[in-house]
């Protein structure tokens, strides 16, 4: 019976050794050294939870998505009303199928939700954008533009595809019914 416990212990130790590999340890150690040498910005860039470069197809994560029930998948129609990111049906502010305007609340993403949640952003509107091929369909990435000098993620705003005098605050996208 004592040998049986010993073999279970050995199995547990081997499983632990496999989970805590040398490669994993060296990776954690390397991130810690770089964080000490380069400061918090470098450490944040190496954080595996922030390593997602594309938060939706066709957009590199430099500017965050506009407020939306399914953010970061901020899918809207041509007038800026929120849509379900996968199925494309209209949704209310809670993410439910939008059926009854009498009982459900629905706001346009850039034009209404942005100034409601970020009061320092004045008169936001969709400006320009660009089109990418995503899963065989064209997707139009749209910049929500305003006079704000910061973006939704807190860093300096860029001009992007916004009209003169406006800068990108956040982004959304629209699925186009065309193959690419």
Protein backbone atom coordinates (compact mmCIF):
# COMPACT_ATOMS: atom_id res chain seq x y z
CA UNK A 1 0.00 0.00 0.00
CA UNK A 2 2.90 2.36 0.78
CA UNK A 3 4.34 1.74 -2.70
CA UNK A 4 1.00 2.67 -4.27
CA UNK A 5 1.00 6.06 -2.49
CA UNK A 6 4.58 6.62 -3.53
CA UNK A 7 3.74 6.00 -7.18
CA UNK A 8 0.78 8.39 -7.00
CA UNK A 9 3.05 10.99 -5.48
CA UNK A 10 5.61 10.43 -8.20
CA UNK A 11 2.88 10.78 -10.83
CA UNK A 12 1.71 14.03 -9.26
CA UNK A 13 5.28 15.36 -9.20
CA UNK A 14 5.78 14.45 -12.86
CA UNK A 15 2.53 16.15 -13.84
CA UNK A 16 3.59 19.27 -11.94
CA UNK A 17 6.98 19.21 -13.65
CA UNK A 18 5.32 19.00 -17.05
CA UNK A 19 3.00 21.95 -16.29
CA UNK A 20 5.85 24.12 -15.02
CA UNK A 21 8.30 23.68 -17.85
CA UNK A 22 11.68 25.37 -18.15
CA UNK A 23 10.48 27.23 -21.25
CA UNK A 24 7.49 28.66 -19.36
CA UNK A 25 9.72 29.69 -16.46
CA UNK A 26 12.24 31.36 -18.77
CA UNK A 27 9.44 33.22 -20.55
CA UNK A 28 8.08 34.57 -17.25
CA UNK A 29 11.59 35.46 -16.11
CA UNK A 30 12.36 37.25 -19.39
CA UNK A 31 9.15 39.32 -19.16
CA UNK A 32 10.02 40.30 -15.59
CA UNK A 33 13.55 41.40 -16.58
CA UNK A 34 12.27 43.43 -19.53
CA UNK A 35 9.60 44.99 -17.31
CA UNK A 36 12.25 46.06 -14.81
CA UNK A 37 14.53 47.41 -17.51
CA UNK A 38 11.93 48.99 -19.80
CA UNK A 39 9.23 50.06 -17.40
CA UNK A 40 5.50 49.47 -17.35
CA UNK A 41 4.86 50.27 -21.01
CA UNK A 42 7.03 47.40 -22.22
CA UNK A 43 5.58 45.07 -19.61
CA UNK A 44 2.06 45.94 -20.77
CA UNK A 45 3.03 45.24 -24.37
CA UNK A 46 4.33 41.80 -23.39
CA UNK A 47 1.23 40.94 -21.35
CA UNK A 48 -0.24 37.82 -23.04
CA UNK A 49 -3.81 39.02 -22.39
CA UNK A 50 -3.09 42.14 -24.50
CA UNK A 51 -1.35 40.23 -27.27
CA UNK A 52 -4.42 40.13 -29.50
CA UNK A 53 -3.35 42.25 -32.47
CA UNK A 54 -6.66 42.17 -34.32
CA UNK A 55 -9.75 42.79 -32.24
CA UNK A 56 -11.88 42.33 -35.33
CA UNK A 57 -10.93 41.24 -38.82
CA UNK A 58 -9.37 44.04 -40.84
CA UNK A 59 -8.42 46.24 -37.89
CA UNK A 60 -5.14 46.21 -36.03
CA UNK A 61 -5.68 47.05 -32.38
CA UNK A 62 -4.44 50.62 -32.15
CA UNK A 63 -7.77 52.33 -31.46
CA UNK A 64 -10.41 50.65 -29.33
CA UNK A 65 -13.94 49.87 -30.45
CA UNK A 66 -16.80 52.27 -29.90
CA UNK A 67 -19.29 51.47 -27.11
CA UNK A 68 -21.58 48.67 -28.27
CA UNK A 69 -23.52 45.83 -26.59
CA UNK A 70 -21.05 43.34 -28.14
CA UNK A 71 -17.85 45.44 -27.93
CA UNK A 72 -15.16 44.97 -29.09
CA UNK A 73 -17.21 43.65 -32.04
CA UNK A 74 -18.79 47.02 -32.84
CA UNK A 75 -20.85 46.15 -35.90
CA UNK A 76 -23.22 48.86 -37.12
CA UNK A 77 -25.41 49.59 -40.13
CA UNK A 78 -24.78 52.49 -42.52
CA UNK A 79 -26.55 54.93 -40.19
CA UNK A 80 -24.62 53.85 -37.08
CA UNK A 81 -27.26 51.68 -35.35
CA UNK A 82 -25.86 48.62 -33.52
CA UNK A 83 -26.17 45.19 -35.13
CA UNK A 84 -25.43 41.70 -33.83
CA UNK A 85 -21.79 40.98 -34.84
CA UNK A 86 -22.46 37.51 -36.27
CA UNK A 87 -26.05 37.52 -37.51
CA UNK A 88 -26.50 41.20 -38.42
CA UNK A 89 -29.93 41.73 -36.87
CA UNK A 90 -30.64 45.01 -35.04
CA UNK A 91 -29.94 44.96 -31.29
CA UNK A 92 -30.89 47.29 -28.45
CA UNK A 93 -28.49 48.75 -25.88
CA UNK A 94 -28.60 45.49 -23.89
CA UNK A 95 -27.74 43.29 -26.90
CA UNK A 96 -31.24 41.82 -27.32
CA UNK A 97 -32.96 41.60 -30.70
CA UNK A 98 -34.53 45.01 -31.31
CA UNK A 99 -38.24 44.46 -31.90
CA UNK A 100 -40.25 47.06 -29.98
CA UNK A 101 -39.27 50.75 -29.98
CA UNK A 102 -41.90 51.35 -27.28
CA UNK A 103 -40.16 49.17 -24.67
CA UNK A 104 -36.56 48.87 -25.85
CA UNK A 105 -33.83 51.52 -25.79
CA UNK A 106 -31.47 51.79 -28.73
CA UNK A 107 -28.83 54.43 -29.40
CA UNK A 108 -26.58 54.98 -32.39
CA UNK A 109 -23.09 53.84 -31.50
CA UNK A 110 -20.81 56.74 -32.46
CA UNK A 111 -23.27 59.60 -32.54
CA UNK A 112 -25.16 58.89 -29.29
CA UNK A 113 -23.43 56.28 -27.10
CA UNK A 114 -19.99 57.89 -27.31
CA UNK A 115 -21.06 61.31 -25.91
CA UNK A 116 -23.29 59.61 -23.32
CA UNK A 117 -20.38 57.57 -21.93
CA UNK A 118 -17.61 60.08 -22.64
CA UNK A 119 -19.01 63.58 -21.97
CA UNK A 120 -15.79 65.34 -23.08
CA UNK A 121 -16.36 64.07 -26.66
CA UNK A 122 -18.36 66.65 -28.58
CA UNK A 123 -20.38 66.00 -31.77
CA UNK A 124 -18.86 62.67 -32.77
CA UNK A 125 -19.67 61.25 -36.19
CA UNK A 126 -18.44 58.58 -38.51
CA UNK A 127 -15.82 60.05 -40.80
CA UNK A 128 -13.86 58.03 -43.27
CA UNK A 129 -12.71 54.48 -43.26
CA UNK A 130 -11.24 51.67 -45.29
CA UNK A 131 -12.37 48.33 -46.64
CA UNK A 132 -10.81 44.91 -46.02
CA UNK A 133 -11.57 41.37 -47.09
CA UNK A 134 -12.73 39.24 -44.16
CA UNK A 135 -13.89 35.64 -44.58
CA UNK A 136 -14.66 36.18 -48.27
CA UNK A 137 -16.76 39.34 -47.73
CA UNK A 138 -15.88 43.03 -47.78
CA UNK A 139 -15.86 44.74 -44.40
CA UNK A 140 -15.79 48.54 -44.06
CA UNK A 141 -13.90 49.77 -40.98
CA UNK A 142 -15.22 53.18 -39.90
CA UNK A 143 -13.55 55.86 -37.77
CA UNK A 144 -15.76 57.61 -35.21
CA UNK A 145 -14.34 61.13 -35.40
CA UNK A 146 -14.48 64.02 -32.92
CA UNK A 147 -12.48 67.03 -31.79
CA UNK A 148 -11.14 65.08 -28.78
CA UNK A 149 -7.35 64.94 -28.56
CA UNK A 150 -7.43 61.49 -26.90
CA UNK A 151 -8.78 58.16 -28.11
CA UNK A 152 -11.09 55.79 -26.29
CA UNK A 153 -8.05 53.83 -25.07
CA UNK A 154 -6.56 56.96 -23.47
CA UNK A 155 -3.63 57.71 -25.75
CA UNK A 156 -3.21 60.57 -28.24
CA UNK A 157 -5.80 60.73 -31.01
CA UNK A 158 -4.69 60.36 -34.62
CA UNK A 159 -6.26 61.88 -37.72
CA UNK A 160 -6.91 58.55 -39.43
CA UNK A 161 -9.52 58.90 -42.16
CA UNK A 162 -11.37 61.72 -40.39
CA UNK A 163 -12.23 65.03 -42.07
CA UNK A 164 -9.97 68.03 -41.42
CA UNK A 165 -10.08 69.24 -37.82
CA UNK A 166 -11.35 65.91 -36.43
CA UNK A 167 -9.51 62.92 -34.97
CA UNK A 168 -10.30 59.26 -34.40
CA UNK A 169 -11.93 58.51 -31.05
CA UNK A 170 -13.03 54.89 -31.63
CA UNK A 171 -13.84 52.48 -34.48
CA UNK A 172 -16.71 50.34 -35.70
CA UNK A 173 -17.36 48.24 -38.78
CA UNK A 174 -20.01 47.48 -41.34
CA UNK A 175 -20.37 44.25 -43.32
CA UNK A 176 -20.87 44.86 -47.02
CA UNK A 177 -22.90 42.42 -49.11
CA UNK A 178 -20.12 41.93 -51.62
CA UNK A 179 -17.64 39.12 -52.08
CA UNK A 180 -13.94 39.87 -52.28
